[in-house]
Amino acid sequence: MTSDPIQRVLGNFQESMDVIRNAMDNIAADIVAAAQLMTDALYQGRKLLCCGNGGSAADSQHFSAEMLNRFEAERPGLAALALTTDSSTLTSIANDYSYDDVFRKQVMALGQPHDILFVITTSGNSSNILRAVAAAHEREMPCVALNGKAGGELTHLLDHNDVNILVPGPSTARIQEVHGIIIHCICDLIDRQLLGQ
């Protein structure tokens, strides 16, 4: 490991590019499948529920903002909701039940059959994400997982109706960087399909 900060920065850029290069060919088809699943749901008047923890919570909010407001083209807002933003709901569920239930209870209350649950995780092992996916399946909602590393328990919980976009990477930071690109790819594909471009 170098003590030169310039070399450290260059190394981070290089590592990020390597993770992107190694992932892109393996996940392109899954990104297209995820975008198609979401577009079909939106066409049918369904909504997208999004969740994650920490940086992945921020990513879920980023995605829902791109849907509700706009991405790169003018269009009507699309029905997307980040389950990470209501502090009163999150803290009451965590206090009265468990932090493991903060997304599950929202999915059970807000989710309808054929809505989509979009979960974002860098490990696939967060208990509250796993419970949210189980709740989505109970509500007959397909799931799109933006996953990382080896996929964790989440990979075993997903079924044939779901899409698992798995980004292997050496660190959470590198995985999150690729997740950001994937989110923009999904937004771009949804816009192109909806706007007929």
N, C-alpha and C. Protein backbone atom coordinates (compact mmCIF):
# COMPACT_ATOMS: atom_id res chain seq x y z
N MET A 1 0.85 -1.18 0.00
CA MET A 1 0.00 0.00 0.00
C MET A 1 0.89 1.24 0.00
N THR A 2 0.59 2.16 -0.89
CA THR A 2 1.40 3.35 -1.01
C THR A 2 0.97 4.43 -0.02
N SER A 3 1.93 5.24 0.41
CA SER A 3 1.60 6.37 1.29
C SER A 3 1.38 7.64 0.50
N ASP A 4 1.61 7.58 -0.82
CA ASP A 4 1.41 8.75 -1.69
C ASP A 4 -0.09 8.91 -1.95
N PRO A 5 -0.70 10.03 -1.51
CA PRO A 5 -2.15 10.18 -1.69
C PRO A 5 -2.58 10.23 -3.14
N ILE A 6 -1.74 10.77 -4.02
CA ILE A 6 -2.10 10.79 -5.44
C ILE A 6 -2.19 9.37 -5.97
N GLN A 7 -1.22 8.53 -5.63
CA GLN A 7 -1.25 7.14 -6.08
C GLN A 7 -2.43 6.38 -5.47
N ARG A 8 -2.78 6.75 -4.24
CA ARG A 8 -3.94 6.12 -3.59
C ARG A 8 -5.22 6.44 -4.38
N VAL A 9 -5.38 7.71 -4.75
CA VAL A 9 -6.55 8.12 -5.53
C VAL A 9 -6.56 7.40 -6.87
N LEU A 10 -5.42 7.38 -7.56
CA LEU A 10 -5.34 6.71 -8.86
C LEU A 10 -5.65 5.22 -8.72
N GLY A 11 -5.19 4.62 -7.63
CA GLY A 11 -5.48 3.21 -7.38
C GLY A 11 -6.97 2.96 -7.19
N ASN A 12 -7.65 3.88 -6.48
CA ASN A 12 -9.10 3.74 -6.30
C ASN A 12 -9.84 3.84 -7.63
N PHE A 13 -9.42 4.79 -8.47
CA PHE A 13 -10.03 4.91 -9.80
C PHE A 13 -9.80 3.63 -10.60
N GLN A 14 -8.58 3.12 -10.57
CA GLN A 14 -8.26 1.92 -11.34
C GLN A 14 -9.06 0.73 -10.84
N GLU A 15 -9.16 0.58 -9.52
CA GLU A 15 -9.92 -0.52 -8.96
C GLU A 15 -11.39 -0.42 -9.36
N SER A 16 -11.94 0.80 -9.34
CA SER A 16 -13.32 1.00 -9.74
C SER A 16 -13.53 0.62 -11.20
N MET A 17 -12.63 1.04 -12.06
CA MET A 17 -12.74 0.69 -13.48
C MET A 17 -12.63 -0.81 -13.69
N ASP A 18 -11.78 -1.48 -12.91
CA ASP A 18 -11.65 -2.92 -13.04
C ASP A 18 -12.94 -3.63 -12.65
N VAL A 19 -13.57 -3.18 -11.56
CA VAL A 19 -14.83 -3.79 -11.11
C VAL A 19 -15.91 -3.57 -12.16
N ILE A 20 -15.98 -2.35 -12.71
CA ILE A 20 -16.97 -2.06 -13.76
C ILE A 20 -16.74 -2.96 -14.96
N ARG A 21 -15.51 -3.03 -15.41
CA ARG A 21 -15.17 -3.83 -16.60
C ARG A 21 -15.51 -5.31 -16.38
N ASN A 22 -15.18 -5.83 -15.20
CA ASN A 22 -15.43 -7.24 -14.92
C ASN A 22 -16.91 -7.55 -14.78
N ALA A 23 -17.70 -6.57 -14.33
CA ALA A 23 -19.12 -6.81 -14.09
C ALA A 23 -19.98 -6.61 -15.32
N MET A 24 -19.63 -5.66 -16.17
CA MET A 24 -20.60 -5.17 -17.16
C MET A 24 -21.10 -6.26 -18.12
N ASP A 25 -20.25 -7.10 -18.61
CA ASP A 25 -20.70 -8.13 -19.56
C ASP A 25 -21.60 -9.15 -18.88
N ASN A 26 -21.35 -9.41 -17.60
CA ASN A 26 -22.13 -10.42 -16.88
C ASN A 26 -23.49 -9.93 -16.44
N ILE A 27 -23.66 -8.61 -16.29
CA ILE A 27 -24.91 -8.11 -15.72
C ILE A 27 -25.78 -7.34 -16.71
N ALA A 28 -25.32 -7.10 -17.91
CA ALA A 28 -26.09 -6.29 -18.86
C ALA A 28 -27.49 -6.87 -19.10
N ALA A 29 -27.57 -8.18 -19.32
CA ALA A 29 -28.87 -8.81 -19.58
C ALA A 29 -29.78 -8.71 -18.37
N ASP A 30 -29.22 -8.82 -17.17
CA ASP A 30 -30.03 -8.69 -15.96
C ASP A 30 -30.55 -7.27 -15.79
N ILE A 31 -29.74 -6.28 -16.15
CA ILE A 31 -30.19 -4.88 -16.08
C ILE A 31 -31.36 -4.67 -17.02
N VAL A 32 -31.26 -5.20 -18.24
CA VAL A 32 -32.36 -5.08 -19.21
C VAL A 32 -33.61 -5.77 -18.67
N ALA A 33 -33.46 -6.95 -18.08
CA ALA A 33 -34.61 -7.69 -17.54
C ALA A 33 -35.26 -6.91 -16.40
N ALA A 34 -34.44 -6.30 -15.54
CA ALA A 34 -34.98 -5.51 -14.42
C ALA A 34 -35.76 -4.31 -14.93
N ALA A 35 -35.19 -3.60 -15.90
CA ALA A 35 -35.86 -2.43 -16.45
C ALA A 35 -37.18 -2.82 -17.12
N GLN A 36 -37.19 -3.95 -17.82
CA GLN A 36 -38.42 -4.41 -18.48
C GLN A 36 -39.49 -4.76 -17.44
N LEU A 37 -39.09 -5.44 -16.37
CA LEU A 37 -40.03 -5.80 -15.31
C LEU A 37 -40.64 -4.54 -14.70
N MET A 38 -39.81 -3.54 -14.45
CA MET A 38 -40.30 -2.28 -13.86
C MET A 38 -41.18 -1.52 -14.85
N THR A 39 -40.78 -1.46 -16.10
CA THR A 39 -41.58 -0.76 -17.11
C THR A 39 -42.94 -1.40 -17.26
N ASP A 40 -42.98 -2.72 -17.32
CA ASP A 40 -44.26 -3.43 -17.44
C ASP A 40 -45.17 -3.10 -16.26
N ALA A 41 -44.60 -3.08 -15.06
CA ALA A 41 -45.39 -2.75 -13.87
C ALA A 41 -45.93 -1.33 -13.95
N LEU A 42 -45.10 -0.39 -14.36
CA LEU A 42 -45.54 1.01 -14.47
C LEU A 42 -46.63 1.16 -15.52
N TYR A 43 -46.50 0.46 -16.65
CA TYR A 43 -47.54 0.49 -17.69
C TYR A 43 -48.89 0.01 -17.14
N GLN A 44 -48.84 -0.94 -16.21
CA GLN A 44 -50.05 -1.51 -15.63
C GLN A 44 -50.58 -0.72 -14.44
N GLY A 45 -49.99 0.45 -14.19
CA GLY A 45 -50.44 1.29 -13.08
C GLY A 45 -49.94 0.84 -11.73
N ARG A 46 -48.90 0.03 -11.72
CA ARG A 46 -48.31 -0.44 -10.47
C ARG A 46 -47.23 0.53 -10.00
N LYS A 47 -46.66 0.25 -8.84
CA LYS A 47 -45.64 1.14 -8.29
C LYS A 47 -44.38 0.37 -7.92
N LEU A 48 -43.32 1.13 -7.73
CA LEU A 48 -42.03 0.57 -7.36
C LEU A 48 -41.73 0.98 -5.92
N LEU A 49 -41.50 0.00 -5.06
CA LEU A 49 -41.09 0.25 -3.67
C LEU A 49 -39.61 -0.07 -3.56
N CYS A 50 -38.83 0.85 -2.97
CA CYS A 50 -37.37 0.72 -2.95
C CYS A 50 -36.86 0.78 -1.52
N CYS A 51 -35.82 -0.02 -1.23
CA CYS A 51 -35.22 0.05 0.10
C CYS A 51 -33.78 -0.45 0.11
N GLY A 52 -33.06 -0.04 1.14
CA GLY A 52 -31.68 -0.43 1.37
C GLY A 52 -31.21 0.20 2.67
N ASN A 53 -30.02 -0.13 3.10
CA ASN A 53 -29.45 0.39 4.34
C ASN A 53 -28.22 1.25 4.05
N GLY A 54 -28.05 2.32 4.80
CA GLY A 54 -26.85 3.15 4.66
C GLY A 54 -26.74 3.76 3.28
N GLY A 55 -25.60 3.53 2.61
CA GLY A 55 -25.42 4.03 1.25
C GLY A 55 -26.45 3.47 0.30
N SER A 56 -26.89 2.25 0.55
CA SER A 56 -27.93 1.65 -0.30
C SER A 56 -29.29 2.30 -0.06
N ALA A 57 -29.51 2.83 1.14
CA ALA A 57 -30.72 3.62 1.39
C ALA A 57 -30.69 4.88 0.54
N ALA A 58 -29.52 5.52 0.51
CA ALA A 58 -29.36 6.71 -0.34
C ALA A 58 -29.59 6.37 -1.81
N ASP A 59 -29.10 5.21 -2.24
CA ASP A 59 -29.32 4.78 -3.62
C ASP A 59 -30.80 4.54 -3.91
N SER A 60 -31.53 3.98 -2.94
CA SER A 60 -32.96 3.75 -3.16
C SER A 60 -33.71 5.08 -3.28
N GLN A 61 -33.29 6.07 -2.50
CA GLN A 61 -33.89 7.39 -2.58
C GLN A 61 -33.51 8.08 -3.90
N HIS A 62 -32.28 7.90 -4.32
CA HIS A 62 -31.83 8.43 -5.61
C HIS A 62 -32.70 7.87 -6.73
N PHE A 63 -32.90 6.56 -6.74
CA PHE A 63 -33.70 5.93 -7.79
C PHE A 63 -35.14 6.45 -7.77
N SER A 64 -35.76 6.49 -6.59
CA SER A 64 -37.16 6.93 -6.54
C SER A 64 -37.29 8.39 -6.97
N ALA A 65 -36.28 9.23 -6.67
CA ALA A 65 -36.32 10.62 -7.11
C ALA A 65 -36.25 10.71 -8.63
N GLU A 66 -35.41 9.89 -9.25
CA GLU A 66 -35.31 9.89 -10.71
C GLU A 66 -36.62 9.46 -11.35
N MET A 67 -37.35 8.56 -10.68
CA MET A 67 -38.63 8.08 -11.20
C MET A 67 -39.73 9.13 -10.97
N LEU A 68 -39.85 9.62 -9.75
CA LEU A 68 -40.94 10.54 -9.41
C LEU A 68 -40.81 11.88 -10.10
N ASN A 69 -39.60 12.38 -10.24
CA ASN A 69 -39.40 13.68 -10.85
C ASN A 69 -39.10 13.51 -12.33
N ARG A 70 -37.86 13.29 -12.66
CA ARG A 70 -37.47 13.04 -14.06
C ARG A 70 -36.05 12.51 -14.04
N PHE A 71 -35.67 11.84 -15.12
CA PHE A 71 -34.28 11.42 -15.28
C PHE A 71 -33.61 12.41 -16.22
N GLU A 72 -33.50 12.11 -17.50
CA GLU A 72 -32.85 13.04 -18.42
C GLU A 72 -33.82 13.65 -19.43
N ALA A 73 -35.04 13.17 -19.46
CA ALA A 73 -36.03 13.69 -20.42
C ALA A 73 -37.29 14.09 -19.66
N GLU A 74 -38.00 15.05 -20.22
CA GLU A 74 -39.27 15.46 -19.62
C GLU A 74 -40.30 14.36 -19.82
N ARG A 75 -40.99 14.03 -18.74
CA ARG A 75 -42.06 13.03 -18.78
C ARG A 75 -42.85 13.16 -17.49
N PRO A 76 -44.06 12.59 -17.45
CA PRO A 76 -44.80 12.58 -16.18
C PRO A 76 -44.04 11.79 -15.12
N GLY A 77 -44.29 12.12 -13.88
CA GLY A 77 -43.67 11.37 -12.79
C GLY A 77 -44.15 9.93 -12.77
N LEU A 78 -43.27 9.05 -12.32
CA LEU A 78 -43.58 7.62 -12.25
C LEU A 78 -43.68 7.20 -10.79
N ALA A 79 -44.55 6.23 -10.52
CA ALA A 79 -44.89 5.85 -9.15
C ALA A 79 -43.77 5.03 -8.51
N ALA A 80 -42.95 5.70 -7.72
CA ALA A 80 -41.87 5.04 -6.98
C ALA A 80 -41.80 5.63 -5.59
N LEU A 81 -41.50 4.79 -4.62
CA LEU A 81 -41.48 5.21 -3.22
C LEU A 81 -40.31 4.57 -2.51
N ALA A 82 -39.46 5.40 -1.90
CA ALA A 82 -38.36 4.87 -1.07
C ALA A 82 -38.90 4.62 0.33
N LEU A 83 -38.73 3.41 0.82
CA LEU A 83 -39.21 3.03 2.15
C LEU A 83 -38.24 3.44 3.25
N THR A 84 -37.28 4.27 2.92
CA THR A 84 -36.20 4.65 3.84
C THR A 84 -36.35 6.07 4.37
N THR A 85 -37.40 6.78 3.98
CA THR A 85 -37.42 8.23 4.20
C THR A 85 -38.31 8.70 5.35
N ASP A 86 -39.23 7.89 5.79
CA ASP A 86 -40.17 8.31 6.83
C ASP A 86 -39.62 7.94 8.20
N SER A 87 -38.97 8.89 8.86
CA SER A 87 -38.29 8.59 10.13
C SER A 87 -39.26 8.16 11.22
N SER A 88 -40.47 8.71 11.23
CA SER A 88 -41.44 8.30 12.25
C SER A 88 -41.85 6.84 12.08
N THR A 89 -42.09 6.45 10.82
CA THR A 89 -42.45 5.05 10.55
C THR A 89 -41.28 4.13 10.88
N LEU A 90 -40.09 4.47 10.40
CA LEU A 90 -38.93 3.61 10.63
C LEU A 90 -38.65 3.43 12.12
N THR A 91 -38.68 4.53 12.88
CA THR A 91 -38.32 4.43 14.30
C THR A 91 -39.44 3.77 15.11
N SER A 92 -40.69 3.96 14.71
CA SER A 92 -41.76 3.30 15.47
C SER A 92 -41.72 1.79 15.26
N ILE A 93 -41.47 1.36 14.02
CA ILE A 93 -41.37 -0.08 13.77
C ILE A 93 -40.15 -0.66 14.48
N ALA A 94 -39.02 0.03 14.38
CA ALA A 94 -37.80 -0.47 15.03
C ALA A 94 -37.98 -0.53 16.55
N ASN A 95 -38.67 0.46 17.12
CA ASN A 95 -38.87 0.51 18.57
C ASN A 95 -39.89 -0.52 19.04
N ASP A 96 -41.02 -0.60 18.33
CA ASP A 96 -42.11 -1.48 18.78
C ASP A 96 -41.91 -2.93 18.39
N TYR A 97 -41.20 -3.17 17.31
CA TYR A 97 -40.99 -4.54 16.83
C TYR A 97 -39.49 -4.83 16.76
N SER A 98 -38.89 -4.52 15.61
CA SER A 98 -37.47 -4.79 15.41
C SER A 98 -37.01 -4.03 14.18
N TYR A 99 -35.73 -3.65 14.16
CA TYR A 99 -35.19 -3.02 12.96
C TYR A 99 -35.28 -3.97 11.76
N ASP A 100 -35.29 -5.26 12.05
CA ASP A 100 -35.42 -6.25 10.97
C ASP A 100 -36.75 -6.12 10.24
N ASP A 101 -37.74 -5.48 10.86
CA ASP A 101 -39.08 -5.38 10.27
C ASP A 101 -39.38 -4.03 9.62
N VAL A 102 -38.42 -3.10 9.58
CA VAL A 102 -38.75 -1.74 9.13
C VAL A 102 -39.21 -1.70 7.68
N PHE A 103 -38.73 -2.58 6.83
CA PHE A 103 -39.18 -2.60 5.45
C PHE A 103 -40.32 -3.62 5.25
N ARG A 104 -40.25 -4.73 5.96
CA ARG A 104 -41.28 -5.77 5.83
C ARG A 104 -42.67 -5.22 6.11
N LYS A 105 -42.81 -4.49 7.21
CA LYS A 105 -44.13 -3.97 7.56
C LYS A 105 -44.63 -2.95 6.55
N GLN A 106 -43.73 -2.17 5.98
CA GLN A 106 -44.14 -1.21 4.95
C GLN A 106 -44.57 -1.92 3.67
N VAL A 107 -43.84 -2.97 3.30
CA VAL A 107 -44.21 -3.75 2.12
C VAL A 107 -45.59 -4.37 2.32
N MET A 108 -45.83 -4.92 3.50
CA MET A 108 -47.12 -5.54 3.77
C MET A 108 -48.26 -4.53 3.73
N ALA A 109 -48.00 -3.29 4.17
CA ALA A 109 -49.05 -2.27 4.20
C ALA A 109 -49.25 -1.58 2.85
N LEU A 110 -48.16 -1.34 2.13
CA LEU A 110 -48.23 -0.52 0.92
C LEU A 110 -48.19 -1.33 -0.37
N GLY A 111 -47.60 -2.51 -0.33
CA GLY A 111 -47.43 -3.30 -1.54
C GLY A 111 -48.72 -3.98 -1.98
N GLN A 112 -48.91 -4.01 -3.29
CA GLN A 112 -50.05 -4.69 -3.90
C GLN A 112 -49.51 -5.70 -4.91
N PRO A 113 -50.29 -6.73 -5.23
CA PRO A 113 -49.82 -7.70 -6.24
C PRO A 113 -49.36 -7.00 -7.52
N HIS A 114 -48.21 -7.42 -8.00
CA HIS A 114 -47.60 -6.94 -9.25
C HIS A 114 -46.92 -5.58 -9.13
N ASP A 115 -46.94 -4.95 -7.93
CA ASP A 115 -45.98 -3.89 -7.67
C ASP A 115 -44.60 -4.54 -7.68
N ILE A 116 -43.55 -3.73 -7.71
CA ILE A 116 -42.18 -4.26 -7.71
C ILE A 116 -41.47 -3.79 -6.45
N LEU A 117 -40.78 -4.70 -5.79
CA LEU A 117 -39.89 -4.32 -4.69
C LEU A 117 -38.46 -4.29 -5.24
N PHE A 118 -37.82 -3.13 -5.11
CA PHE A 118 -36.44 -2.93 -5.57
C PHE A 118 -35.57 -2.84 -4.32
N VAL A 119 -34.79 -3.89 -4.06
CA VAL A 119 -33.92 -3.90 -2.88
C VAL A 119 -32.47 -3.69 -3.31
N ILE A 120 -31.75 -2.90 -2.52
CA ILE A 120 -30.37 -2.58 -2.83
C ILE A 120 -29.52 -2.97 -1.62
N THR A 121 -28.51 -3.80 -1.87
CA THR A 121 -27.66 -4.31 -0.80
C THR A 121 -26.29 -4.64 -1.38
N THR A 122 -25.24 -4.44 -0.62
CA THR A 122 -23.91 -4.78 -1.11
C THR A 122 -23.47 -6.17 -0.68
N SER A 123 -24.26 -6.82 0.19
CA SER A 123 -23.85 -8.14 0.69
C SER A 123 -24.89 -9.22 0.47
N GLY A 124 -26.17 -8.83 0.38
CA GLY A 124 -27.24 -9.82 0.28
C GLY A 124 -27.56 -10.50 1.58
N ASN A 125 -27.09 -9.95 2.69
CA ASN A 125 -27.29 -10.61 3.98
C ASN A 125 -28.05 -9.77 5.01
N SER A 126 -28.51 -8.59 4.67
CA SER A 126 -29.21 -7.74 5.65
C SER A 126 -30.56 -8.35 5.97
N SER A 127 -30.79 -8.57 7.26
CA SER A 127 -32.02 -9.24 7.68
C SER A 127 -33.27 -8.47 7.27
N ASN A 128 -33.22 -7.14 7.36
CA ASN A 128 -34.43 -6.38 7.01
C ASN A 128 -34.71 -6.44 5.51
N ILE A 129 -33.68 -6.60 4.69
CA ILE A 129 -33.88 -6.77 3.24
C ILE A 129 -34.46 -8.15 2.96
N LEU A 130 -33.93 -9.18 3.62
CA LEU A 130 -34.44 -10.53 3.42
C LEU A 130 -35.92 -10.63 3.81
N ARG A 131 -36.27 -9.99 4.92
CA ARG A 131 -37.68 -10.02 5.36
C ARG A 131 -38.58 -9.23 4.41
N ALA A 132 -38.05 -8.15 3.85
CA ALA A 132 -38.84 -7.37 2.88
C ALA A 132 -39.12 -8.21 1.64
N VAL A 133 -38.13 -8.96 1.17
CA VAL A 133 -38.32 -9.81 0.00
C VAL A 133 -39.34 -10.90 0.30
N ALA A 134 -39.26 -11.51 1.47
CA ALA A 134 -40.24 -12.53 1.83
C ALA A 134 -41.64 -11.94 1.87
N ALA A 135 -41.77 -10.72 2.39
CA ALA A 135 -43.07 -10.05 2.43
C ALA A 135 -43.57 -9.75 1.02
N ALA A 136 -42.66 -9.32 0.14
CA ALA A 136 -43.05 -9.05 -1.24
C ALA A 136 -43.59 -10.30 -1.91
N HIS A 137 -42.92 -11.42 -1.70
CA HIS A 137 -43.40 -12.68 -2.28
C HIS A 137 -44.78 -13.03 -1.73
N GLU A 138 -44.98 -12.77 -0.44
CA GLU A 138 -46.28 -13.03 0.17
C GLU A 138 -47.36 -12.15 -0.47
N ARG A 139 -46.99 -10.94 -0.88
CA ARG A 139 -47.92 -10.00 -1.51
C ARG A 139 -47.96 -10.17 -3.04
N GLU A 140 -47.30 -11.22 -3.56
CA GLU A 140 -47.26 -11.50 -5.00
C GLU A 140 -46.61 -10.36 -5.78
N MET A 141 -45.54 -9.84 -5.21
CA MET A 141 -44.76 -8.77 -5.84
C MET A 141 -43.43 -9.32 -6.31
N PRO A 142 -43.09 -9.19 -7.59
CA PRO A 142 -41.74 -9.55 -8.03
C PRO A 142 -40.71 -8.61 -7.40
N CYS A 143 -39.47 -9.07 -7.33
CA CYS A 143 -38.39 -8.28 -6.74
C CYS A 143 -37.26 -8.10 -7.75
N VAL A 144 -36.66 -6.92 -7.69
CA VAL A 144 -35.40 -6.67 -8.36
C VAL A 144 -34.39 -6.43 -7.27
N ALA A 145 -33.30 -7.18 -7.29
CA ALA A 145 -32.25 -7.03 -6.29
C ALA A 145 -31.00 -6.47 -6.95
N LEU A 146 -30.52 -5.38 -6.41
CA LEU A 146 -29.21 -4.83 -6.76
C LEU A 146 -28.30 -5.34 -5.65
N ASN A 147 -27.50 -6.35 -5.97
CA ASN A 147 -26.81 -7.16 -4.97
C ASN A 147 -25.30 -7.01 -5.12
N GLY A 148 -24.55 -7.59 -4.19
CA GLY A 148 -23.10 -7.47 -4.25
C GLY A 148 -22.39 -8.66 -3.66
N LYS A 149 -21.06 -8.65 -3.84
CA LYS A 149 -20.16 -9.70 -3.36
C LYS A 149 -20.61 -11.05 -3.92
N ALA A 150 -20.87 -12.05 -3.06
CA ALA A 150 -21.29 -13.36 -3.55
C ALA A 150 -22.81 -13.50 -3.58
N GLY A 151 -23.53 -12.44 -3.18
CA GLY A 151 -24.99 -12.48 -3.24
C GLY A 151 -25.67 -12.81 -1.94
N GLY A 152 -24.96 -13.47 -1.01
CA GLY A 152 -25.49 -13.76 0.31
C GLY A 152 -26.76 -14.59 0.31
N GLU A 153 -27.49 -14.50 1.42
CA GLU A 153 -28.73 -15.26 1.59
C GLU A 153 -29.80 -14.82 0.59
N LEU A 154 -29.71 -13.57 0.16
CA LEU A 154 -30.71 -13.05 -0.76
C LEU A 154 -30.80 -13.88 -2.04
N THR A 155 -29.67 -14.31 -2.55
CA THR A 155 -29.64 -15.10 -3.78
C THR A 155 -30.50 -16.35 -3.65
N HIS A 156 -30.53 -16.96 -2.46
CA HIS A 156 -31.30 -18.19 -2.25
C HIS A 156 -32.78 -17.91 -2.03
N LEU A 157 -33.10 -16.67 -1.65
CA LEU A 157 -34.49 -16.31 -1.36
C LEU A 157 -35.24 -15.89 -2.63
N LEU A 158 -34.53 -15.37 -3.61
CA LEU A 158 -35.17 -14.90 -4.84
C LEU A 158 -35.66 -16.08 -5.66
N ASP A 159 -36.74 -15.86 -6.43
CA ASP A 159 -37.27 -16.96 -7.25
C ASP A 159 -37.27 -16.58 -8.73
N HIS A 160 -37.91 -17.41 -9.55
CA HIS A 160 -37.85 -17.24 -11.00
C HIS A 160 -38.55 -15.98 -11.50
N ASN A 161 -39.40 -15.36 -10.67
CA ASN A 161 -40.06 -14.11 -11.06
C ASN A 161 -39.21 -12.88 -10.79
N ASP A 162 -38.10 -13.07 -10.10
CA ASP A 162 -37.26 -11.97 -9.64
C ASP A 162 -36.03 -11.80 -10.54
N VAL A 163 -35.37 -10.67 -10.39
CA VAL A 163 -34.12 -10.40 -11.11
C VAL A 163 -33.06 -10.06 -10.07
N ASN A 164 -31.94 -10.77 -10.13
CA ASN A 164 -30.83 -10.56 -9.20
C ASN A 164 -29.64 -10.01 -9.99
N ILE A 165 -29.33 -8.72 -9.81
CA ILE A 165 -28.20 -8.09 -10.48
C ILE A 165 -27.04 -8.12 -9.50
N LEU A 166 -26.12 -9.02 -9.73
CA LEU A 166 -25.04 -9.29 -8.77
C LEU A 166 -23.73 -8.66 -9.23
N VAL A 167 -23.19 -7.79 -8.38
CA VAL A 167 -21.93 -7.11 -8.66
C VAL A 167 -20.86 -7.63 -7.71
N PRO A 168 -19.98 -8.53 -8.17
CA PRO A 168 -18.88 -8.94 -7.31
C PRO A 168 -17.88 -7.79 -7.21
N GLY A 169 -17.31 -7.60 -6.07
CA GLY A 169 -16.33 -6.53 -5.93
C GLY A 169 -15.53 -6.70 -4.66
N PRO A 170 -14.37 -6.05 -4.58
CA PRO A 170 -13.48 -6.22 -3.43
C PRO A 170 -13.91 -5.43 -2.20
N SER A 171 -14.83 -4.46 -2.37
CA SER A 171 -15.22 -3.64 -1.23
C SER A 171 -16.61 -3.07 -1.45
N THR A 172 -17.23 -2.65 -0.35
CA THR A 172 -18.54 -2.03 -0.42
C THR A 172 -18.51 -0.80 -1.32
N ALA A 173 -17.45 0.02 -1.20
CA ALA A 173 -17.37 1.25 -1.99
C ALA A 173 -17.38 0.96 -3.48
N ARG A 174 -16.60 -0.03 -3.92
CA ARG A 174 -16.55 -0.33 -5.35
C ARG A 174 -17.90 -0.87 -5.84
N ILE A 175 -18.55 -1.70 -5.03
CA ILE A 175 -19.86 -2.23 -5.41
C ILE A 175 -20.87 -1.10 -5.53
N GLN A 176 -20.86 -0.18 -4.57
CA GLN A 176 -21.81 0.94 -4.61
C GLN A 176 -21.59 1.82 -5.84
N GLU A 177 -20.34 1.96 -6.26
CA GLU A 177 -20.07 2.75 -7.46
C GLU A 177 -20.72 2.12 -8.68
N VAL A 178 -20.65 0.82 -8.78
CA VAL A 178 -21.28 0.14 -9.91
C VAL A 178 -22.81 0.18 -9.77
N HIS A 179 -23.30 0.07 -8.54
CA HIS A 179 -24.74 0.19 -8.32
C HIS A 179 -25.27 1.52 -8.87
N GLY A 180 -24.50 2.59 -8.68
CA GLY A 180 -24.92 3.89 -9.21
C GLY A 180 -25.07 3.88 -10.72
N ILE A 181 -24.13 3.25 -11.40
CA ILE A 181 -24.22 3.14 -12.86
C ILE A 181 -25.43 2.31 -13.26
N ILE A 182 -25.67 1.23 -12.56
CA ILE A 182 -26.81 0.36 -12.87
C ILE A 182 -28.12 1.12 -12.70
N ILE A 183 -28.23 1.88 -11.62
CA ILE A 183 -29.45 2.68 -11.41
C ILE A 183 -29.69 3.61 -12.59
N HIS A 184 -28.64 4.26 -13.06
CA HIS A 184 -28.80 5.16 -14.20
C HIS A 184 -29.15 4.39 -15.47
N CYS A 185 -28.59 3.20 -15.65
CA CYS A 185 -28.96 2.37 -16.80
C CYS A 185 -30.43 1.99 -16.76
N ILE A 186 -30.93 1.60 -15.59
CA ILE A 186 -32.34 1.23 -15.46
C ILE A 186 -33.23 2.44 -15.75
N CYS A 187 -32.87 3.59 -15.19
CA CYS A 187 -33.65 4.81 -15.46
C CYS A 187 -33.69 5.12 -16.95
N ASP A 188 -32.54 5.00 -17.61
CA ASP A 188 -32.44 5.28 -19.04
C ASP A 188 -33.32 4.32 -19.84
N LEU A 189 -33.28 3.03 -19.52
CA LEU A 189 -34.08 2.05 -20.25
C LEU A 189 -35.57 2.26 -20.02
N ILE A 190 -35.96 2.57 -18.79
CA ILE A 190 -37.38 2.84 -18.52
C ILE A 190 -37.86 4.03 -19.32
N ASP A 191 -37.08 5.12 -19.30
CA ASP A 191 -37.45 6.30 -20.06
C ASP A 191 -37.57 6.00 -21.55
N ARG A 192 -36.62 5.27 -22.10
CA ARG A 192 -36.64 4.97 -23.53
C ARG A 192 -37.85 4.13 -23.91
N GLN A 193 -38.21 3.18 -23.04
CA GLN A 193 -39.38 2.36 -23.35
C GLN A 193 -40.67 3.16 -23.21
N LEU A 194 -40.77 3.96 -22.18
CA LEU A 194 -41.99 4.73 -21.95
C LEU A 194 -42.16 5.85 -22.96
N LEU A 195 -41.06 6.45 -23.38
CA LEU A 195 -41.13 7.58 -24.30
C LEU A 195 -40.98 7.17 -25.76
N GLY A 196 -40.78 5.88 -26.00
CA GLY A 196 -40.70 5.38 -27.36
C GLY A 196 -39.48 5.84 -28.12
N GLN A 197 -38.38 6.01 -27.43
CA GLN A 197 -37.15 6.48 -28.09
C GLN A 197 -36.29 5.30 -28.53
